[in-house]
Amino acid sequence: MNTAATPLTYINEISRRSARRYNSRMIPWLDRTDPFPPVTAALADPDGLLAAGGGLELPRLLDAYRRGIFPWYGAGQPVLWWTPDPRTVLFPREFRISRSLRKALRHRDYEIRVDTRFETVMRACATPRGAGDTGAAGTWIDDAMIAAYGALHGQGFAHSVETWINDELAGGLYGVALGRVFYGESMFARTPDASKIALAHLARQLERWEFGLIDCQVRTAHLLSLGAREIRRSDFMRRLAELVNYADRTGRWRFDDDLRDDLTE
């Protein structure tokens, strides 16, 4: 899960490094119906690059997530598919509530809504912001991504968790749920702690629903501060093989009304 809009310069650098390696070790180019290669075929540098191409159709995306693979690419690039090793995950019961976050959670001036503004959340995550994004033309969340994940949302597989303050969207996150795994994609905050509040509610609700993990994809200091940790890809795949075979919780989600009280005890 990207905790901010990923600067294009970072993805472009990954792609330049990848291109230099195509001649020595080719990654496969996928046509619309080609299967994914095994995750063990992914490159070590750049970490986890597995394949390119193949499009973002709903069956392709669902198949990718069930196999521990996700798309990530920059503007003007083909779809790139990744499965990094190690993998950053957050076990719902291990979400870490700091003193400052607990204080924010006690305030009664916010409301958590789920699946009410999915596309708006995606577009907010796609908005360049911060010093690292100065001058960037956009992020990896482009119109094709928004359309593809909008289709997932329409079928009940993708969800947004939204923090509203004074009836305005202040922050949130979105991701994909299959079985008992939530694949976090991106989060944003327009006011301090708004995305953390959304993630806190998500983690506690998923714990109640007996979800096994939240996939955070790649390591960031911010995610580690919230309780995420790295595990080997083989361990991730072993857990995934069990968790994705539970019944999918599709449709519009509704969180329990007492989550806030539970989080502040």
C-alpha atoms as a PDB file:
ATOM      1  CA  MET A   1       0.000   0.000   0.000  1.00  0.00           C
ATOM      2  CA  ASN A   2       1.424   3.307  -1.023  1.00  0.00           C
ATOM      3  CA  THR A   3       1.087   5.833   1.775  1.00  0.00           C
ATOM      4  CA  ALA A   4       1.294   8.733  -0.670  1.00  0.00           C
ATOM      5  CA  ALA A   5       1.120   9.251  -4.394  1.00  0.00           C
ATOM      6  CA  THR A   6       4.255   7.561  -5.732  1.00  0.00           C
ATOM      7  CA  PRO A   7       6.529  10.011  -7.599  1.00  0.00           C
ATOM      8  CA  LEU A   8       6.882   9.122 -11.261  1.00  0.00           C
ATOM      9  CA  THR A   9      10.620   9.643 -11.035  1.00  0.00           C
ATOM     10  CA  TYR A  10      10.884   6.576  -8.799  1.00  0.00           C
ATOM     11  CA  ILE A  11       8.890   4.345 -11.142  1.00  0.00           C
ATOM     12  CA  ASN A  12      10.742   5.669 -14.174  1.00  0.00           C
ATOM     13  CA  GLU A  13      14.062   4.842 -12.543  1.00  0.00           C
ATOM     14  CA  ILE A  14      12.850   1.305 -11.848  1.00  0.00           C
ATOM     15  CA  SER A  15      11.781   0.981 -15.469  1.00  0.00           C
ATOM     16  CA  ARG A  16      15.137   2.240 -16.791  1.00  0.00           C
ATOM     17  CA  ARG A  17      16.922  -0.295 -14.641  1.00  0.00           C
ATOM     18  CA  SER A  18      14.506  -2.969 -15.825  1.00  0.00           C
ATOM     19  CA  ALA A  19      15.058  -2.119 -19.475  1.00  0.00           C
ATOM     20  CA  ARG A  20      18.813  -2.525 -19.115  1.00  0.00           C
ATOM     21  CA  ARG A  21      18.211  -6.055 -17.889  1.00  0.00           C
ATOM     22  CA  TYR A  22      15.750  -7.189 -20.545  1.00  0.00           C
ATOM     23  CA  ASN A  23      18.602  -8.287 -22.819  1.00  0.00           C
ATOM     24  CA  SER A  24      20.272 -10.431 -20.151  1.00  0.00           C
ATOM     25  CA  ARG A  25      17.117 -11.848 -18.610  1.00  0.00           C
ATOM     26  CA  MET A  26      13.864 -11.288 -20.409  1.00  0.00           C
ATOM     27  CA  ILE A  27      10.628 -10.893 -18.537  1.00  0.00           C
ATOM     28  CA  PRO A  28       7.673 -12.224 -20.515  1.00  0.00           C
ATOM     29  CA  TRP A  29       5.339  -9.962 -22.462  1.00  0.00           C
ATOM     30  CA  LEU A  30       1.782 -11.091 -21.783  1.00  0.00           C
ATOM     31  CA  ASP A  31      -0.936 -11.095 -24.400  1.00  0.00           C
ATOM     32  CA  ARG A  32      -4.533 -10.803 -23.238  1.00  0.00           C
ATOM     33  CA  THR A  33      -4.948 -14.528 -22.535  1.00  0.00           C
ATOM     34  CA  ASP A  34      -1.404 -15.491 -21.502  1.00  0.00           C
ATOM     35  CA  PRO A  35      -1.062 -16.885 -17.971  1.00  0.00           C
ATOM     36  CA  PHE A  36       1.260 -15.323 -15.425  1.00  0.00           C
ATOM     37  CA  PRO A  37       4.626 -16.971 -14.919  1.00  0.00           C
ATOM     38  CA  PRO A  38       5.314 -18.413 -11.457  1.00  0.00           C
ATOM     39  CA  VAL A  39       6.217 -15.778  -8.875  1.00  0.00           C
ATOM     40  CA  THR A  40       9.601 -17.450  -8.390  1.00  0.00           C
ATOM     41  CA  ALA A  41      10.512 -16.212 -11.891  1.00  0.00           C
ATOM     42  CA  ALA A  42      10.416 -12.570 -10.748  1.00  0.00           C
ATOM     43  CA  LEU A  43      13.604 -10.523 -10.964  1.00  0.00           C
ATOM     44  CA  ALA A  44      15.622  -9.761  -7.872  1.00  0.00           C
ATOM     45  CA  ASP A  45      16.611  -6.351  -9.281  1.00  0.00           C
ATOM     46  CA  PRO A  46      14.328  -4.532  -9.604  1.00  0.00           C
ATOM     47  CA  ASP A  47      12.802  -6.527  -6.800  1.00  0.00           C
ATOM     48  CA  GLY A  48       9.760  -8.488  -7.868  1.00  0.00           C
ATOM     49  CA  LEU A  49       9.329  -7.448 -11.496  1.00  0.00           C
ATOM     50  CA  LEU A  50       7.585 -10.442 -13.066  1.00  0.00           C
ATOM     51  CA  ALA A  51       6.004  -9.556 -16.418  1.00  0.00           C
ATOM     52  CA  ALA A  52       4.707  -6.773 -18.662  1.00  0.00           C
ATOM     53  CA  GLY A  53       1.569  -6.272 -20.714  1.00  0.00           C
ATOM     54  CA  GLY A  54      -1.660  -8.194 -20.486  1.00  0.00           C
ATOM     55  CA  GLY A  55      -4.081  -5.349 -19.757  1.00  0.00           C
ATOM     56  CA  LEU A  56      -6.127  -4.508 -16.673  1.00  0.00           C
ATOM     57  CA  GLU A  57      -9.341  -6.397 -17.359  1.00  0.00           C
ATOM     58  CA  LEU A  58     -11.256  -7.621 -14.333  1.00  0.00           C
ATOM     59  CA  PRO A  59     -10.435 -11.356 -14.767  1.00  0.00           C
ATOM     60  CA  ARG A  60      -6.739 -10.523 -15.185  1.00  0.00           C
ATOM     61  CA  LEU A  61      -6.678  -8.394 -12.020  1.00  0.00           C
ATOM     62  CA  LEU A  62      -8.511 -10.977  -9.934  1.00  0.00           C
ATOM     63  CA  ASP A  63      -6.172 -13.699 -11.151  1.00  0.00           C
ATOM     64  CA  ALA A  64      -3.146 -11.532 -10.365  1.00  0.00           C
ATOM     65  CA  TYR A  65      -4.197 -10.783  -6.798  1.00  0.00           C
ATOM     66  CA  ARG A  66      -5.020 -14.412  -6.103  1.00  0.00           C
ATOM     67  CA  ARG A  67      -1.449 -15.225  -7.183  1.00  0.00           C
ATOM     68  CA  GLY A  68       0.175 -12.500  -5.082  1.00  0.00           C
ATOM     69  CA  ILE A  69       0.846 -10.219  -8.074  1.00  0.00           C
ATOM     70  CA  PHE A  70      -0.100  -6.562  -8.518  1.00  0.00           C
ATOM     71  CA  PRO A  71       0.213  -3.936 -11.308  1.00  0.00           C
ATOM     72  CA  TRP A  72       2.437  -0.877 -10.906  1.00  0.00           C
ATOM     73  CA  TYR A  73       3.687   1.335 -13.718  1.00  0.00           C
ATOM     74  CA  GLY A  74       4.234   4.936 -14.743  1.00  0.00           C
ATOM     75  CA  ALA A  75       2.719   7.179 -17.383  1.00  0.00           C
ATOM     76  CA  GLY A  76       3.460   6.084 -20.939  1.00  0.00           C
ATOM     77  CA  GLN A  77       4.673   2.660 -19.813  1.00  0.00           C
ATOM     78  CA  PRO A  78       3.137  -0.780 -20.343  1.00  0.00           C
ATOM     79  CA  VAL A  79       1.450  -2.495 -17.427  1.00  0.00           C
ATOM     80  CA  LEU A  80       4.184  -3.951 -15.211  1.00  0.00           C
ATOM     81  CA  TRP A  81       3.399  -6.811 -12.828  1.00  0.00           C
ATOM     82  CA  TRP A  82       5.202  -7.206  -9.490  1.00  0.00           C
ATOM     83  CA  THR A  83       5.609  -9.712  -6.683  1.00  0.00           C
ATOM     84  CA  PRO A  84       8.369  -8.443  -4.387  1.00  0.00           C
ATOM     85  CA  ASP A  85      10.450 -10.469  -1.958  1.00  0.00           C
ATOM     86  CA  PRO A  86      10.216  -9.717   0.907  1.00  0.00           C
ATOM     87  CA  ARG A  87       6.584  -8.644   1.048  1.00  0.00           C
ATOM     88  CA  THR A  88       5.324  -5.995   3.454  1.00  0.00           C
ATOM     89  CA  VAL A  89       2.176  -7.026   5.291  1.00  0.00           C
ATOM     90  CA  LEU A  90       0.101  -5.821   8.205  1.00  0.00           C
ATOM     91  CA  PHE A  91      -1.616  -8.423  10.343  1.00  0.00           C
ATOM     92  CA  PRO A  92      -4.852  -6.729  11.465  1.00  0.00           C
ATOM     93  CA  ARG A  93      -4.339  -7.556  15.141  1.00  0.00           C
ATOM     94  CA  GLU A  94      -0.869  -5.948  15.016  1.00  0.00           C
ATOM     95  CA  PHE A  95      -1.997  -2.488  13.908  1.00  0.00           C
ATOM     96  CA  ARG A  96      -0.163  -0.065  16.167  1.00  0.00           C
ATOM     97  CA  ILE A  97      -2.096   2.837  17.683  1.00  0.00           C
ATOM     98  CA  SER A  98       0.310   5.525  18.847  1.00  0.00           C
ATOM     99  CA  ARG A  99      -0.546   7.911  21.654  1.00  0.00           C
ATOM    100  CA  SER A 100      -1.179  10.734  19.184  1.00  0.00           C
ATOM    101  CA  LEU A 101      -3.393   8.550  16.983  1.00  0.00           C
ATOM    102  CA  ARG A 102      -5.387   7.334  19.973  1.00  0.00           C
ATOM    103  CA  LYS A 103      -5.946  10.964  20.912  1.00  0.00           C
ATOM    104  CA  ALA A 104      -7.191  11.702  17.383  1.00  0.00           C
ATOM    105  CA  LEU A 105      -9.493   8.669  17.496  1.00  0.00           C
ATOM    106  CA  ARG A 106     -11.106   9.958  20.672  1.00  0.00           C
ATOM    107  CA  HIS A 107     -12.233  13.126  18.924  1.00  0.00           C
ATOM    108  CA  ARG A 108     -15.842  12.988  17.810  1.00  0.00           C
ATOM    109  CA  ASP A 109     -15.470  15.320  14.853  1.00  0.00           C
ATOM    110  CA  TYR A 110     -14.944  12.644  12.199  1.00  0.00           C
ATOM    111  CA  GLU A 111     -17.075   9.968  10.561  1.00  0.00           C
ATOM    112  CA  ILE A 112     -15.972   6.774   8.836  1.00  0.00           C
ATOM    113  CA  ARG A 113     -17.842   5.921   5.661  1.00  0.00           C
ATOM    114  CA  VAL A 114     -17.197   2.887   3.482  1.00  0.00           C
ATOM    115  CA  ASP A 115     -17.667   2.559  -0.272  1.00  0.00           C
ATOM    116  CA  THR A 116     -19.461   5.885  -0.712  1.00  0.00           C
ATOM    117  CA  ARG A 117     -16.872   7.734  -2.858  1.00  0.00           C
ATOM    118  CA  PHE A 118     -14.610   5.089  -4.329  1.00  0.00           C
ATOM    119  CA  GLU A 119     -13.523   6.938  -7.455  1.00  0.00           C
ATOM    120  CA  THR A 120     -13.066  10.165  -5.488  1.00  0.00           C
ATOM    121  CA  VAL A 121     -10.696   8.353  -3.125  1.00  0.00           C
ATOM    122  CA  MET A 122      -8.722   6.939  -6.040  1.00  0.00           C
ATOM    123  CA  ARG A 123      -8.384  10.342  -7.658  1.00  0.00           C
ATOM    124  CA  ALA A 124      -7.305  11.864  -4.351  1.00  0.00           C
ATOM    125  CA  CYS A 125      -4.609   9.183  -4.062  1.00  0.00           C
ATOM    126  CA  ALA A 126      -3.538  10.040  -7.616  1.00  0.00           C
ATOM    127  CA  THR A 127      -3.069  13.731  -6.921  1.00  0.00           C
ATOM    128  CA  PRO A 128       0.638  14.711  -6.737  1.00  0.00           C
ATOM    129  CA  ARG A 129       1.496  16.264  -3.412  1.00  0.00           C
ATOM    130  CA  GLY A 130       4.480  16.957  -1.206  1.00  0.00           C
ATOM    131  CA  ALA A 131       8.003  18.021  -2.011  1.00  0.00           C
ATOM    132  CA  GLY A 132       8.780  14.764  -3.760  1.00  0.00           C
ATOM    133  CA  ASP A 133       6.019  15.369  -6.277  1.00  0.00           C
ATOM    134  CA  THR A 134       6.952  18.901  -7.270  1.00  0.00           C
ATOM    135  CA  GLY A 135       6.685  19.220 -11.023  1.00  0.00           C
ATOM    136  CA  ALA A 136       5.360  15.691 -11.524  1.00  0.00           C
ATOM    137  CA  ALA A 137       2.799  15.324 -14.279  1.00  0.00           C
ATOM    138  CA  GLY A 138       0.878  12.635 -12.435  1.00  0.00           C
ATOM    139  CA  THR A 139       1.223   9.361 -10.577  1.00  0.00           C
ATOM    140  CA  TRP A 140       0.979   5.656 -11.257  1.00  0.00           C
ATOM    141  CA  ILE A 141      -2.812   5.848 -10.695  1.00  0.00           C
ATOM    142  CA  ASP A 142      -3.880   6.868 -14.192  1.00  0.00           C
ATOM    143  CA  ASP A 143      -7.268   6.828 -15.908  1.00  0.00           C
ATOM    144  CA  ALA A 144      -6.818   3.191 -16.972  1.00  0.00           C
ATOM    145  CA  MET A 145      -6.166   2.221 -13.351  1.00  0.00           C
ATOM    146  CA  ILE A 146      -9.163   4.195 -12.144  1.00  0.00           C
ATOM    147  CA  ALA A 147     -11.418   2.518 -14.708  1.00  0.00           C
ATOM    148  CA  ALA A 148     -10.069  -0.965 -13.912  1.00  0.00           C
ATOM    149  CA  TYR A 149     -10.440  -0.643 -10.150  1.00  0.00           C
ATOM    150  CA  GLY A 150     -13.782   1.046 -10.626  1.00  0.00           C
ATOM    151  CA  ALA A 151     -14.891  -2.152 -12.373  1.00  0.00           C
ATOM    152  CA  LEU A 152     -13.586  -4.174  -9.421  1.00  0.00           C
ATOM    153  CA  HIS A 153     -15.527  -1.888  -7.097  1.00  0.00           C
ATOM    154  CA  GLY A 154     -18.652  -2.280  -9.204  1.00  0.00           C
ATOM    155  CA  GLN A 155     -18.390  -6.054  -8.782  1.00  0.00           C
ATOM    156  CA  GLY A 156     -17.903  -5.712  -5.029  1.00  0.00           C
ATOM    157  CA  PHE A 157     -14.198  -6.654  -4.857  1.00  0.00           C
ATOM    158  CA  ALA A 158     -12.627  -3.205  -4.340  1.00  0.00           C
ATOM    159  CA  HIS A 159     -13.448  -0.950  -1.422  1.00  0.00           C
ATOM    160  CA  SER A 160     -12.771   2.525  -0.088  1.00  0.00           C
ATOM    161  CA  VAL A 161     -12.548   3.486   3.581  1.00  0.00           C
ATOM    162  CA  GLU A 162     -13.136   7.205   4.030  1.00  0.00           C
ATOM    163  CA  THR A 163     -12.570   9.654   6.874  1.00  0.00           C
ATOM    164  CA  TRP A 164     -15.032  12.541   6.718  1.00  0.00           C
ATOM    165  CA  ILE A 165     -14.671  15.726   8.783  1.00  0.00           C
ATOM    166  CA  ASN A 166     -17.346  18.423   8.712  1.00  0.00           C
ATOM    167  CA  ASP A 167     -18.981  16.517   5.852  1.00  0.00           C
ATOM    168  CA  GLU A 168     -15.833  16.764   3.705  1.00  0.00           C
ATOM    169  CA  LEU A 169     -13.582  13.913   2.635  1.00  0.00           C
ATOM    170  CA  ALA A 170     -10.417  14.389   4.703  1.00  0.00           C
ATOM    171  CA  GLY A 171      -8.545  11.174   3.915  1.00  0.00           C
ATOM    172  CA  GLY A 172      -8.876   7.506   3.234  1.00  0.00           C
ATOM    173  CA  LEU A 173      -7.645   4.459   1.389  1.00  0.00           C
ATOM    174  CA  TYR A 174      -8.723   1.881  -1.136  1.00  0.00           C
ATOM    175  CA  GLY A 175      -7.879  -1.710  -1.914  1.00  0.00           C
ATOM    176  CA  VAL A 176      -9.072  -5.103  -3.072  1.00  0.00           C
ATOM    177  CA  ALA A 177     -10.552  -7.872  -0.913  1.00  0.00           C
ATOM    178  CA  LEU A 178     -10.395 -11.530  -1.893  1.00  0.00           C
ATOM    179  CA  GLY A 179     -11.227 -14.263   0.569  1.00  0.00           C
ATOM    180  CA  ARG A 180      -9.716 -13.086   3.852  1.00  0.00           C
ATOM    181  CA  VAL A 181      -6.998 -10.892   2.370  1.00  0.00           C
ATOM    182  CA  PHE A 182      -7.209  -7.143   1.880  1.00  0.00           C
ATOM    183  CA  TYR A 183      -4.742  -5.832  -0.698  1.00  0.00           C
ATOM    184  CA  GLY A 184      -4.080  -2.231   0.205  1.00  0.00           C
ATOM    185  CA  GLU A 185      -3.402  -0.053  -2.823  1.00  0.00           C
ATOM    186  CA  SER A 186      -3.030   3.560  -1.758  1.00  0.00           C
ATOM    187  CA  MET A 187      -4.026   6.083   0.892  1.00  0.00           C
ATOM    188  CA  PHE A 188      -4.152   9.858   1.199  1.00  0.00           C
ATOM    189  CA  ALA A 189      -4.752  12.527   3.831  1.00  0.00           C
ATOM    190  CA  ARG A 190      -5.830  16.126   3.435  1.00  0.00           C
ATOM    191  CA  THR A 191      -5.758  16.683   7.192  1.00  0.00           C
ATOM    192  CA  PRO A 192      -3.403  15.183   9.787  1.00  0.00           C
ATOM    193  CA  ASP A 193      -4.090  11.552  10.761  1.00  0.00           C
ATOM    194  CA  ALA A 194      -7.080  11.191   8.421  1.00  0.00           C
ATOM    195  CA  SER A 195      -5.621   8.226   6.534  1.00  0.00           C
ATOM    196  CA  LYS A 196      -4.388   6.614   9.775  1.00  0.00           C
ATOM    197  CA  ILE A 197      -7.881   6.871  11.220  1.00  0.00           C
ATOM    198  CA  ALA A 198      -9.288   5.093   8.161  1.00  0.00           C
ATOM    199  CA  LEU A 199      -6.643   2.371   8.380  1.00  0.00           C
ATOM    200  CA  ALA A 200      -7.252   1.896  12.109  1.00  0.00           C
ATOM    201  CA  HIS A 201     -10.956   1.281  11.489  1.00  0.00           C
ATOM    202  CA  LEU A 202     -10.205  -1.031   8.577  1.00  0.00           C
ATOM    203  CA  ALA A 203      -7.714  -3.119  10.576  1.00  0.00           C
ATOM    204  CA  ARG A 204     -10.089  -3.538  13.519  1.00  0.00           C
ATOM    205  CA  GLN A 205     -13.029  -4.471  11.288  1.00  0.00           C
ATOM    206  CA  LEU A 206     -10.926  -6.967   9.329  1.00  0.00           C
ATOM    207  CA  GLU A 207      -9.772  -8.504  12.604  1.00  0.00           C
ATOM    208  CA  ARG A 208     -13.415  -9.005  13.564  1.00  0.00           C
ATOM    209  CA  TRP A 209     -14.108 -10.544  10.172  1.00  0.00           C
ATOM    210  CA  GLU A 210     -11.125 -12.887  10.694  1.00  0.00           C
ATOM    211  CA  PHE A 211      -9.106 -11.572   7.774  1.00  0.00           C
ATOM    212  CA  GLY A 212      -5.574 -12.956   7.897  1.00  0.00           C
ATOM    213  CA  LEU A 213      -3.584 -10.017   6.553  1.00  0.00           C
ATOM    214  CA  ILE A 214      -3.472  -6.665   4.822  1.00  0.00           C
ATOM    215  CA  ASP A 215      -1.025  -6.711   1.914  1.00  0.00           C
ATOM    216  CA  CYS A 216       1.000  -3.489   1.943  1.00  0.00           C
ATOM    217  CA  GLN A 217       3.171  -4.549  -1.016  1.00  0.00           C
ATOM    218  CA  VAL A 218       6.397  -2.630  -0.392  1.00  0.00           C
ATOM    219  CA  ARG A 219       8.183  -1.354   2.691  1.00  0.00           C
ATOM    220  CA  THR A 220       7.880   2.242   3.864  1.00  0.00           C
ATOM    221  CA  ALA A 221       8.855   3.753   7.198  1.00  0.00           C
ATOM    222  CA  HIS A 222       5.308   5.032   7.606  1.00  0.00           C
ATOM    223  CA  LEU A 223       3.782   1.559   7.266  1.00  0.00           C
ATOM    224  CA  LEU A 224       6.344   0.051   9.634  1.00  0.00           C
ATOM    225  CA  SER A 225       5.433   2.685  12.225  1.00  0.00           C
ATOM    226  CA  LEU A 226       1.830   1.437  12.049  1.00  0.00           C
ATOM    227  CA  GLY A 227       2.782  -2.171  12.729  1.00  0.00           C
ATOM    228  CA  ALA A 228       3.493  -3.550   9.261  1.00  0.00           C
ATOM    229  CA  ARG A 229       6.428  -5.918   8.794  1.00  0.00           C
ATOM    230  CA  GLU A 230       8.250  -7.738   6.050  1.00  0.00           C
ATOM    231  CA  ILE A 231       7.888 -11.464   5.479  1.00  0.00           C
ATOM    232  CA  ARG A 232       9.470 -13.713   2.876  1.00  0.00           C
ATOM    233  CA  ARG A 233       7.535 -14.086  -0.349  1.00  0.00           C
ATOM    234  CA  SER A 234       7.352 -17.841   0.216  1.00  0.00           C
ATOM    235  CA  ASP A 235       5.663 -17.214   3.578  1.00  0.00           C
ATOM    236  CA  PHE A 236       3.315 -14.695   1.982  1.00  0.00           C
ATOM    237  CA  MET A 237       2.365 -17.159  -0.752  1.00  0.00           C
ATOM    238  CA  ARG A 238       1.795 -19.948   1.767  1.00  0.00           C
ATOM    239  CA  ARG A 239      -0.593 -17.750   3.753  1.00  0.00           C
ATOM    240  CA  LEU A 240      -2.247 -16.472   0.583  1.00  0.00           C
ATOM    241  CA  ALA A 241      -2.964 -19.999  -0.671  1.00  0.00           C
ATOM    242  CA  GLU A 242      -5.181 -20.562   2.361  1.00  0.00           C
ATOM    243  CA  LEU A 243      -6.726 -17.139   2.832  1.00  0.00           C
ATOM    244  CA  VAL A 244      -7.912 -16.493  -0.734  1.00  0.00           C
ATOM    245  CA  ASN A 245      -9.959 -19.689  -0.681  1.00  0.00           C
ATOM    246  CA  TYR A 246     -12.408 -18.374   1.890  1.00  0.00           C
ATOM    247  CA  ALA A 247     -15.682 -16.978   0.598  1.00  0.00           C
ATOM    248  CA  ASP A 248     -15.358 -13.477  -0.821  1.00  0.00           C
ATOM    249  CA  ARG A 249     -17.018 -10.668   1.147  1.00  0.00           C
ATOM    250  CA  THR A 250     -18.343  -8.817  -1.901  1.00  0.00           C
ATOM    251  CA  GLY A 251     -20.792  -5.973  -2.229  1.00  0.00           C
ATOM    252  CA  ARG A 252     -20.817  -2.681  -0.389  1.00  0.00           C
ATOM    253  CA  TRP A 253     -19.186  -3.006   3.008  1.00  0.00           C
ATOM    254  CA  ARG A 254     -20.608  -1.790   6.285  1.00  0.00           C
ATOM    255  CA  PHE A 255     -18.424  -1.443   9.374  1.00  0.00           C
ATOM    256  CA  ASP A 256     -19.593  -2.131  12.916  1.00  0.00           C
ATOM    257  CA  ASP A 257     -20.944   0.919  14.729  1.00  0.00           C
ATOM    258  CA  ASP A 258     -18.806   0.412  17.836  1.00  0.00           C
ATOM    259  CA  LEU A 259     -15.372   0.335  16.205  1.00  0.00           C
ATOM    260  CA  ARG A 260     -14.397   3.778  17.485  1.00  0.00           C
ATOM    261  CA  ASP A 261     -15.135   2.841  21.084  1.00  0.00           C
ATOM    262  CA  ASP A 262     -13.166  -0.375  20.669  1.00  0.00           C
ATOM    263  CA  LEU A 263     -10.159   1.483  19.241  1.00  0.00           C
ATOM    264  CA  THR A 264      -9.995   3.978  22.105  1.00  0.00           C
ATOM    265  CA  GLU A 265     -10.325   1.546  25.021  1.00  0.00           C
END
